[in-house]
Amino acid sequence: MTSVNEIDVQKVKELEENKSATIIDIRDSKSYESGHIPNSIHLNDDTIELFISNNDKEKPMVIYCYHGISSQGAAAYFLEQGFKNVSSMAGGFEVWRTIFPGSIEKV
């Protein structure tokens, strides 16, 4: 498996605020709807291929899940698909929710 870079939630917050990375949520739809990182994109098996074919592979990307474990595999997958700068958010959404409780969007 490809080695995946992990970044902490403070760095993800900076990237989100200046919109310098694409932030991807790979949790289930219900979890995404009940709360997610602002401006993140929810991807699942039905939407991933369209995303891969329509997005800039040079733009930095951060993947997150619940606890930062599944996102590592997803990040490795995106690297294998030709994306150049992909990271997994350490600790996942649970850490984000703890550190930035006021910075959560709902659908």
Protein backbone atom coordinates (compact mmCIF):
# COMPACT_ATOMS: atom_id res chain seq x y z
CA MET A 1 0.00 0.00 0.00
CA THR A 2 1.16 3.55 -0.75
CA SER A 3 2.51 5.55 2.19
CA VAL A 4 -0.02 8.17 3.26
CA ASN A 5 0.76 11.53 4.81
CA GLU A 6 -1.24 12.39 7.95
CA ILE A 7 -1.97 15.96 8.98
CA ASP A 8 -3.52 17.28 12.18
CA VAL A 9 -6.85 19.04 12.48
CA GLN A 10 -5.27 22.47 13.05
CA LYS A 11 -3.58 22.26 9.64
CA VAL A 12 -6.85 21.06 8.06
CA LYS A 13 -8.62 24.05 9.62
CA GLU A 14 -6.09 26.39 7.97
CA LEU A 15 -6.56 24.64 4.61
CA GLU A 16 -10.35 24.83 4.97
CA GLU A 17 -10.29 28.52 5.88
CA ASN A 18 -8.13 29.55 2.93
CA LYS A 19 -9.73 27.00 0.58
CA SER A 20 -6.32 25.71 -0.50
CA ALA A 21 -7.29 22.01 -0.41
CA THR A 22 -10.20 19.82 -1.35
CA ILE A 23 -11.57 18.24 1.83
CA ILE A 24 -13.27 14.88 1.39
CA ASP A 25 -15.62 13.20 3.89
CA ILE A 26 -15.90 9.42 3.41
CA ARG A 27 -18.26 8.71 6.31
CA ASP A 28 -21.79 7.44 5.70
CA SER A 29 -24.42 9.85 4.36
CA LYS A 30 -26.33 10.18 7.63
CA SER A 31 -23.16 11.13 9.53
CA TYR A 32 -22.24 13.69 6.87
CA GLU A 33 -25.71 15.22 6.97
CA SER A 34 -25.67 15.50 10.76
CA GLY A 35 -22.34 17.35 10.76
CA HIS A 36 -19.24 17.81 8.62
CA ILE A 37 -16.28 20.10 8.04
CA PRO A 38 -17.39 23.25 6.20
CA ASN A 39 -16.97 23.08 2.43
CA SER A 40 -16.13 19.37 2.53
CA ILE A 41 -17.33 17.05 -0.22
CA HIS A 42 -19.06 13.82 0.67
CA LEU A 43 -17.94 10.89 -1.45
CA ASN A 44 -19.24 7.35 -1.55
CA ASP A 45 -19.11 4.40 -3.93
CA ASP A 46 -21.71 6.07 -6.18
CA THR A 47 -19.89 9.40 -6.57
CA ILE A 48 -16.19 8.61 -6.42
CA GLU A 49 -15.59 7.84 -10.12
CA LEU A 50 -17.20 11.09 -11.25
CA PHE A 51 -15.11 12.98 -8.68
CA ILE A 52 -11.90 11.33 -9.89
CA SER A 53 -12.56 12.17 -13.52
CA ASN A 54 -13.64 15.78 -12.88
CA ASN A 55 -11.17 17.12 -10.30
CA ASP A 56 -7.71 18.64 -10.37
CA LYS A 57 -5.17 15.98 -9.41
CA GLU A 58 -2.62 18.67 -8.53
CA LYS A 59 -4.72 20.42 -5.87
CA PRO A 60 -3.98 19.25 -2.30
CA MET A 61 -6.62 16.92 -0.87
CA VAL A 62 -7.45 15.91 2.69
CA ILE A 63 -9.54 12.83 3.42
CA TYR A 64 -11.32 12.27 6.71
CA CYS A 65 -13.49 9.60 8.27
CA TYR A 66 -14.65 8.95 11.83
CA HIS A 67 -11.33 8.30 13.58
CA GLY A 68 -8.64 8.66 10.90
CA ILE A 69 -8.23 4.99 10.03
CA SER A 70 -10.41 4.38 6.95
CA SER A 71 -9.26 7.70 5.52
CA GLN A 72 -5.71 6.33 5.25
CA GLY A 73 -6.86 3.64 2.84
CA ALA A 74 -8.95 6.14 0.90
CA ALA A 75 -5.99 8.52 0.65
CA ALA A 76 -3.81 5.70 -0.67
CA TYR A 77 -6.50 4.94 -3.27
CA PHE A 78 -6.52 8.56 -4.48
CA LEU A 79 -2.73 8.54 -4.74
CA GLU A 80 -3.00 5.40 -6.87
CA GLN A 81 -5.53 7.24 -9.08
CA GLY A 82 -2.94 9.91 -9.84
CA PHE A 83 -3.71 12.59 -7.26
CA LYS A 84 -0.39 14.16 -6.22
CA ASN A 85 -0.86 15.62 -2.72
CA VAL A 86 -3.26 13.56 -0.60
CA SER A 87 -3.36 13.42 3.20
CA SER A 88 -5.44 11.70 5.86
CA MET A 89 -6.68 13.83 8.76
CA ALA A 90 -5.27 12.36 11.98
CA GLY A 91 -8.00 11.47 14.47
CA GLY A 92 -10.82 11.98 12.00
CA PHE A 93 -14.03 13.93 12.49
CA GLU A 94 -14.23 12.99 16.16
CA VAL A 95 -11.12 15.10 16.86
CA TRP A 96 -12.44 17.95 14.68
CA ARG A 97 -15.74 17.94 16.57
CA THR A 98 -13.87 18.13 19.90
CA ILE A 99 -11.49 20.94 18.90
CA PHE A 100 -13.77 22.98 16.61
CA PRO A 101 -17.35 22.37 17.84
CA GLY A 102 -18.50 25.70 16.40
CA SER A 103 -17.14 24.90 12.96
CA ILE A 104 -19.48 22.14 11.82
CA GLU A 105 -21.94 22.38 8.94
CA LYS A 106 -25.16 20.40 8.70
CA VAL A 107 -27.21 19.49 5.65
